[in-house]
C-alpha cells in the first residue's frame, strides 16, 4: 500500500508490508482455506494479503489466532520515506 500525501512541501510515502503470504504458504494453506477459517470472502483475504487494505482490530486478532503468532509478526516492516519537494522560487 502506497498512499501519497503532500504536507508542508513534503511528499510522504508510507509502505506497509505484511507477512500473511509467507505465514499462509508456510502453513500449507490456500487463500480459500484461510478465508474460510476467518469466515470472510476469499477476495477480502486477498486484499489483506496484498496489502491493499489493513485489517480491523478484530480481524487482526483473528489473523493472530489462525496463524498462531503475534501482531508484530504479521505487520513488522514499516518504512516511512520523507521526500522534500523544493521550489526553485524559494
Protein backbone atom coordinates (compact mmCIF):
# COMPACT_ATOMS: atom_id res chain seq x y z
CA UNK A 1 0.00 0.00 0.00
CA UNK A 2 1.47 3.33 -1.00
CA UNK A 3 -0.69 6.28 -0.07
CA UNK A 4 0.95 9.52 -1.10
CA UNK A 5 0.23 12.77 0.61
CA UNK A 6 1.69 16.25 0.43
CA UNK A 7 2.18 18.07 3.70
CA UNK A 8 4.17 21.25 4.26
CA UNK A 9 6.07 20.85 1.00
CA UNK A 10 6.95 17.22 1.66
CA UNK A 11 5.70 14.14 -0.09
CA UNK A 12 5.13 11.34 2.39
CA UNK A 13 5.20 7.77 1.13
CA UNK A 14 4.18 5.02 3.53
CA UNK A 15 4.89 1.40 2.69
CA UNK A 16 3.38 -1.22 4.98
CA UNK A 17 4.24 -4.81 4.23
CA UNK A 18 2.86 -7.89 5.86
CA UNK A 19 3.85 -11.49 6.30
CA UNK A 20 0.45 -13.01 5.56
CA UNK A 21 1.54 -14.67 2.31
CA UNK A 22 4.58 -16.28 3.93
CA UNK A 23 2.66 -17.38 7.02
CA UNK A 24 -0.10 -18.85 4.85
CA UNK A 25 2.20 -20.71 2.47
CA UNK A 26 4.41 -21.93 5.34
CA UNK A 27 1.31 -23.46 6.92
CA UNK A 28 0.38 -25.14 3.60
CA UNK A 29 -2.96 -23.34 3.29
CA UNK A 30 -4.58 -21.79 0.27
CA UNK A 31 -6.20 -18.36 0.31
CA UNK A 32 -9.57 -20.13 0.14
CA UNK A 33 -8.82 -22.30 3.19
CA UNK A 34 -7.54 -19.31 5.15
CA UNK A 35 -10.53 -17.16 4.26
CA UNK A 36 -12.88 -19.97 5.34
CA UNK A 37 -11.11 -20.17 8.72
CA UNK A 38 -11.50 -16.40 9.07
CA UNK A 39 -15.12 -16.60 7.83
CA UNK A 40 -14.57 -13.90 5.22
CA UNK A 41 -14.70 -13.93 1.39
CA UNK A 42 -11.50 -15.04 -0.34
CA UNK A 43 -11.30 -11.70 -2.15
CA UNK A 44 -11.31 -9.87 1.17
CA UNK A 45 -8.48 -12.03 2.44
CA UNK A 46 -6.58 -11.44 -0.83
CA UNK A 47 -6.73 -7.66 -0.27
CA UNK A 48 -5.30 -8.12 3.23
CA UNK A 49 -2.52 -10.36 1.94
CA UNK A 50 -1.63 -7.98 -0.90
CA UNK A 51 -1.51 -5.03 1.49
CA UNK A 52 -4.26 -3.17 -0.36
CA UNK A 53 -6.07 -2.71 2.93
CA UNK A 54 -5.28 -3.08 6.61
CA UNK A 55 -7.22 -5.33 8.99
CA UNK A 56 -9.50 -4.06 11.71
CA UNK A 57 -8.52 -4.82 15.30
CA UNK A 58 -10.96 -7.75 15.35
CA UNK A 59 -9.56 -9.12 12.08
CA UNK A 60 -6.01 -8.69 13.37
CA UNK A 61 -6.92 -10.80 16.41
CA UNK A 62 -8.47 -13.45 14.16
CA UNK A 63 -5.35 -13.50 11.97
CA UNK A 64 -3.16 -13.97 15.05
CA UNK A 65 -5.31 -16.97 16.07
CA UNK A 66 -5.27 -18.56 12.61
CA UNK A 67 -1.50 -18.17 12.19
CA UNK A 68 -0.69 -18.65 15.91
CA UNK A 69 1.51 -15.57 16.04
CA UNK A 70 1.75 -12.06 17.46
CA UNK A 71 0.72 -8.86 15.67
CA UNK A 72 4.31 -7.76 15.10
CA UNK A 73 4.90 -10.99 13.16
CA UNK A 74 2.04 -10.06 10.81
CA UNK A 75 2.91 -6.40 10.25
CA UNK A 76 6.55 -5.97 11.18
CA UNK A 77 8.04 -3.81 8.45
CA UNK A 78 7.13 -0.15 8.31
CA UNK A 79 9.10 2.15 6.06
CA UNK A 80 8.45 5.85 6.03
CA UNK A 81 10.17 7.89 3.38
CA UNK A 82 10.09 11.66 3.54
CA UNK A 83 10.99 13.46 0.37
CA UNK A 84 11.44 17.22 0.46
CA UNK A 85 9.98 18.96 -2.55
CA UNK A 86 11.82 22.22 -3.11
CA UNK A 87 10.60 25.09 -5.16
CA UNK A 88 13.01 26.94 -7.44
CA UNK A 89 11.37 30.18 -6.19
CA UNK A 90 12.34 29.66 -2.51
